[in-house]
Amino acid sequence: MSLKQYYSILAIAAFIFDIDNRLLFVVLEKKLKDYKWISQNDNVYL
């Protein structure tokens, strides 16, 4: 799944469930950064 698809799905979910978008995206950005860092350095973690 691409990041664009990931963000689209989450944006739709936030709209449907009326989640506070700012909070959601702050959390998501942190998770995505962590995930990117781990995947770039996957030999360290996996």
PDB file of N, CA and C in Angstrom:
ATOM      1  N   MET A   1       0.845  -1.194   0.000  1.00  0.00           N
ATOM      2  CA  MET A   1       0.000   0.000   0.000  1.00  0.00           C
ATOM      3  C   MET A   1       0.883   1.247   0.000  1.00  0.00           C
ATOM      4  N   SER A   2       0.609   2.157  -0.897  1.00  0.00           N
ATOM      5  CA  SER A   2       1.406   3.385  -0.965  1.00  0.00           C
ATOM      6  C   SER A   2       0.983   4.357   0.134  1.00  0.00           C
ATOM      7  N   LEU A   3       1.836   5.323   0.420  1.00  0.00           N
ATOM      8  CA  LEU A   3       1.518   6.326   1.431  1.00  0.00           C
ATOM      9  C   LEU A   3       0.289   7.130   1.038  1.00  0.00           C
ATOM     10  N   LYS A   4       0.149   7.399  -0.257  1.00  0.00           N
ATOM     11  CA  LYS A   4      -1.002   8.172  -0.727  1.00  0.00           C
ATOM     12  C   LYS A   4      -2.298   7.431  -0.412  1.00  0.00           C
ATOM     13  N   GLN A   5      -2.322   6.131  -0.686  1.00  0.00           N
ATOM     14  CA  GLN A   5      -3.503   5.316  -0.382  1.00  0.00           C
ATOM     15  C   GLN A   5      -3.756   5.297   1.123  1.00  0.00           C
ATOM     16  N   TYR A   6      -2.676   5.162   1.885  1.00  0.00           N
ATOM     17  CA  TYR A   6      -2.751   5.105   3.340  1.00  0.00           C
ATOM     18  C   TYR A   6      -3.393   6.373   3.887  1.00  0.00           C
ATOM     19  N   TYR A   7      -2.900   7.529   3.424  1.00  0.00           N
ATOM     20  CA  TYR A   7      -3.466   8.805   3.864  1.00  0.00           C
ATOM     21  C   TYR A   7      -4.915   8.959   3.422  1.00  0.00           C
ATOM     22  N   SER A   8      -5.237   8.520   2.214  1.00  0.00           N
ATOM     23  CA  SER A   8      -6.609   8.624   1.707  1.00  0.00           C
ATOM     24  C   SER A   8      -7.571   7.829   2.579  1.00  0.00           C
ATOM     25  N   ILE A   9      -7.199   6.603   2.889  1.00  0.00           N
ATOM     26  CA  ILE A   9      -8.042   5.743   3.720  1.00  0.00           C
ATOM     27  C   ILE A   9      -8.242   6.363   5.093  1.00  0.00           C
ATOM     28  N   LEU A  10      -7.161   6.881   5.668  1.00  0.00           N
ATOM     29  CA  LEU A  10      -7.254   7.477   6.992  1.00  0.00           C
ATOM     30  C   LEU A  10      -8.073   8.752   6.981  1.00  0.00           C
ATOM     31  N   ALA A  11      -7.933   9.556   5.930  1.00  0.00           N
ATOM     32  CA  ALA A  11      -8.722  10.786   5.816  1.00  0.00           C
ATOM     33  C   ALA A  11     -10.213  10.452   5.732  1.00  0.00           C
ATOM     34  N   ILE A  12     -10.537   9.423   4.951  1.00  0.00           N
ATOM     35  CA  ILE A  12     -11.935   8.989   4.825  1.00  0.00           C
ATOM     36  C   ILE A  12     -12.449   8.466   6.169  1.00  0.00           C
ATOM     37  N   ALA A  13     -11.644   7.663   6.828  1.00  0.00           N
ATOM     38  CA  ALA A  13     -12.032   7.124   8.129  1.00  0.00           C
ATOM     39  C   ALA A  13     -12.264   8.255   9.131  1.00  0.00           C
ATOM     40  N   ALA A  14     -11.380   9.242   9.131  1.00  0.00           N
ATOM     41  CA  ALA A  14     -11.512  10.380  10.041  1.00  0.00           C
ATOM     42  C   ALA A  14     -12.807  11.141   9.759  1.00  0.00           C
ATOM     43  N   PHE A  15     -13.119  11.302   8.476  1.00  0.00           N
ATOM     44  CA  PHE A  15     -14.349  12.004   8.084  1.00  0.00           C
ATOM     45  C   PHE A  15     -15.578  11.229   8.546  1.00  0.00           C
ATOM     46  N   ILE A  16     -15.571   9.934   8.297  1.00  0.00           N
ATOM     47  CA  ILE A  16     -16.720   9.091   8.644  1.00  0.00           C
ATOM     48  C   ILE A  16     -16.934   9.066  10.158  1.00  0.00           C
ATOM     49  N   PHE A  17     -15.871   8.895  10.910  1.00  0.00           N
ATOM     50  CA  PHE A  17     -15.997   8.745  12.355  1.00  0.00           C
ATOM     51  C   PHE A  17     -15.853  10.063  13.102  1.00  0.00           C
ATOM     52  N   ASP A  18     -15.687  11.162  12.342  1.00  0.00           N
ATOM     53  CA  ASP A  18     -15.598  12.502  12.930  1.00  0.00           C
ATOM     54  C   ASP A  18     -14.496  12.570  13.983  1.00  0.00           C
ATOM     55  N   ILE A  19     -13.352  12.031  13.641  1.00  0.00           N
ATOM     56  CA  ILE A  19     -12.185  12.071  14.517  1.00  0.00           C
ATOM     57  C   ILE A  19     -11.544  13.447  14.404  1.00  0.00           C
ATOM     58  N   ASP A  20     -10.912  13.893  15.466  1.00  0.00           N
ATOM     59  CA  ASP A  20     -10.163  15.150  15.414  1.00  0.00           C
ATOM     60  C   ASP A  20      -8.980  14.964  14.471  1.00  0.00           C
ATOM     61  N   ASN A  21      -9.071  15.552  13.295  1.00  0.00           N
ATOM     62  CA  ASN A  21      -8.070  15.344  12.246  1.00  0.00           C
ATOM     63  C   ASN A  21      -6.660  15.734  12.666  1.00  0.00           C
ATOM     64  N   ARG A  22      -6.545  16.854  13.365  1.00  0.00           N
ATOM     65  CA  ARG A  22      -5.197  17.304  13.735  1.00  0.00           C
ATOM     66  C   ARG A  22      -4.503  16.270  14.603  1.00  0.00           C
ATOM     67  N   LEU A  23      -5.232  15.787  15.605  1.00  0.00           N
ATOM     68  CA  LEU A  23      -4.662  14.782  16.506  1.00  0.00           C
ATOM     69  C   LEU A  23      -4.307  13.515  15.740  1.00  0.00           C
ATOM     70  N   LEU A  24      -5.242  13.070  14.888  1.00  0.00           N
ATOM     71  CA  LEU A  24      -5.025  11.859  14.099  1.00  0.00           C
ATOM     72  C   LEU A  24      -3.759  11.976  13.256  1.00  0.00           C
ATOM     73  N   PHE A  25      -3.624  13.108  12.556  1.00  0.00           N
ATOM     74  CA  PHE A  25      -2.490  13.233  11.652  1.00  0.00           C
ATOM     75  C   PHE A  25      -1.167  13.433  12.385  1.00  0.00           C
ATOM     76  N   VAL A  26      -1.209  14.048  13.559  1.00  0.00           N
ATOM     77  CA  VAL A  26       0.020  14.158  14.352  1.00  0.00           C
ATOM     78  C   VAL A  26       0.508  12.758  14.726  1.00  0.00           C
ATOM     79  N   VAL A  27      -0.417  11.931  15.192  1.00  0.00           N
ATOM     80  CA  VAL A  27      -0.070  10.555  15.565  1.00  0.00           C
ATOM     81  C   VAL A  27       0.414   9.780  14.346  1.00  0.00           C
ATOM     82  N   LEU A  28      -0.317   9.934  13.242  1.00  0.00           N
ATOM     83  CA  LEU A  28       0.029   9.224  12.010  1.00  0.00           C
ATOM     84  C   LEU A  28       1.394   9.605  11.486  1.00  0.00           C
ATOM     85  N   GLU A  29       1.674  10.910  11.491  1.00  0.00           N
ATOM     86  CA  GLU A  29       2.968  11.353  10.974  1.00  0.00           C
ATOM     87  C   GLU A  29       4.093  10.743  11.782  1.00  0.00           C
ATOM     88  N   LYS A  30       3.913  10.684  13.098  1.00  0.00           N
ATOM     89  CA  LYS A  30       4.941  10.075  13.932  1.00  0.00           C
ATOM     90  C   LYS A  30       5.099   8.596  13.578  1.00  0.00           C
ATOM     91  N   LYS A  31       3.980   7.885  13.442  1.00  0.00           N
ATOM     92  CA  LYS A  31       4.042   6.467  13.100  1.00  0.00           C
ATOM     93  C   LYS A  31       4.677   6.251  11.732  1.00  0.00           C
ATOM     94  N   LEU A  32       4.311   7.101  10.776  1.00  0.00           N
ATOM     95  CA  LEU A  32       4.863   6.964   9.429  1.00  0.00           C
ATOM     96  C   LEU A  32       6.363   7.224   9.429  1.00  0.00           C
ATOM     97  N   LYS A  33       6.805   8.240  10.173  1.00  0.00           N
ATOM     98  CA  LYS A  33       8.238   8.530  10.260  1.00  0.00           C
ATOM     99  C   LYS A  33       8.969   7.345  10.882  1.00  0.00           C
ATOM    100  N   ASP A  34       8.396   6.802  11.961  1.00  0.00           N
ATOM    101  CA  ASP A  34       8.995   5.637  12.610  1.00  0.00           C
ATOM    102  C   ASP A  34       9.058   4.465  11.637  1.00  0.00           C
ATOM    103  N   TYR A  35       7.964   4.253  10.913  1.00  0.00           N
ATOM    104  CA  TYR A  35       7.893   3.137   9.972  1.00  0.00           C
ATOM    105  C   TYR A  35       8.900   3.305   8.846  1.00  0.00           C
ATOM    106  N   LYS A  36       8.994   4.526   8.313  1.00  0.00           N
ATOM    107  CA  LYS A  36       9.955   4.798   7.241  1.00  0.00           C
ATOM    108  C   LYS A  36      11.371   4.559   7.748  1.00  0.00           C
ATOM    109  N   TRP A  37      11.644   5.047   8.960  1.00  0.00           N
ATOM    110  CA  TRP A  37      12.986   4.906   9.506  1.00  0.00           C
ATOM    111  C   TRP A  37      13.315   3.423   9.672  1.00  0.00           C
ATOM    112  N   ILE A  38      12.360   2.667  10.201  1.00  0.00           N
ATOM    113  CA  ILE A  38      12.567   1.233  10.414  1.00  0.00           C
ATOM    114  C   ILE A  38      12.748   0.516   9.082  1.00  0.00           C
ATOM    115  N   SER A  39      11.926   0.861   8.086  1.00  0.00           N
ATOM    116  CA  SER A  39      12.030   0.165   6.802  1.00  0.00           C
ATOM    117  C   SER A  39      13.329   0.517   6.074  1.00  0.00           C
ATOM    118  N   GLN A  40      13.814   1.749   6.271  1.00  0.00           N
ATOM    119  CA  GLN A  40      15.097   2.128   5.670  1.00  0.00           C
ATOM    120  C   GLN A  40      16.254   1.409   6.366  1.00  0.00           C
ATOM    121  N   ASN A  41      16.049   1.112   7.645  1.00  0.00           N
ATOM    122  CA  ASN A  41      17.096   0.462   8.429  1.00  0.00           C
ATOM    123  C   ASN A  41      16.615  -0.908   8.901  1.00  0.00           C
ATOM    124  N   ASP A  42      15.924  -1.618   8.014  1.00  0.00           N
ATOM    125  CA  ASP A  42      15.249  -2.840   8.447  1.00  0.00           C
ATOM    126  C   ASP A  42      16.206  -3.920   8.920  1.00  0.00           C
ATOM    127  N   ASN A  43      17.452  -3.855   8.496  1.00  0.00           N
ATOM    128  CA  ASN A  43      18.415  -4.842   8.989  1.00  0.00           C
ATOM    129  C   ASN A  43      18.682  -4.659  10.482  1.00  0.00           C
ATOM    130  N   VAL A  44      18.422  -3.454  11.000  1.00  0.00           N
ATOM    131  CA  VAL A  44      18.612  -3.195  12.424  1.00  0.00           C
ATOM    132  C   VAL A  44      17.499  -3.859  13.239  1.00  0.00           C
ATOM    133  N   TYR A  45      16.269  -3.791  12.720  1.00  0.00           N
ATOM    134  CA  TYR A  45      15.110  -4.240  13.486  1.00  0.00           C
ATOM    135  C   TYR A  45      14.645  -5.647  13.161  1.00  0.00           C
ATOM    136  N   LEU A  46      14.785  -6.055  11.887  1.00  0.00           N
ATOM    137  CA  LEU A  46      14.148  -7.307  11.473  1.00  0.00           C
ATOM    138  C   LEU A  46      15.142  -8.446  11.280  1.00  0.00           C
TER     139      LEU A  46
END
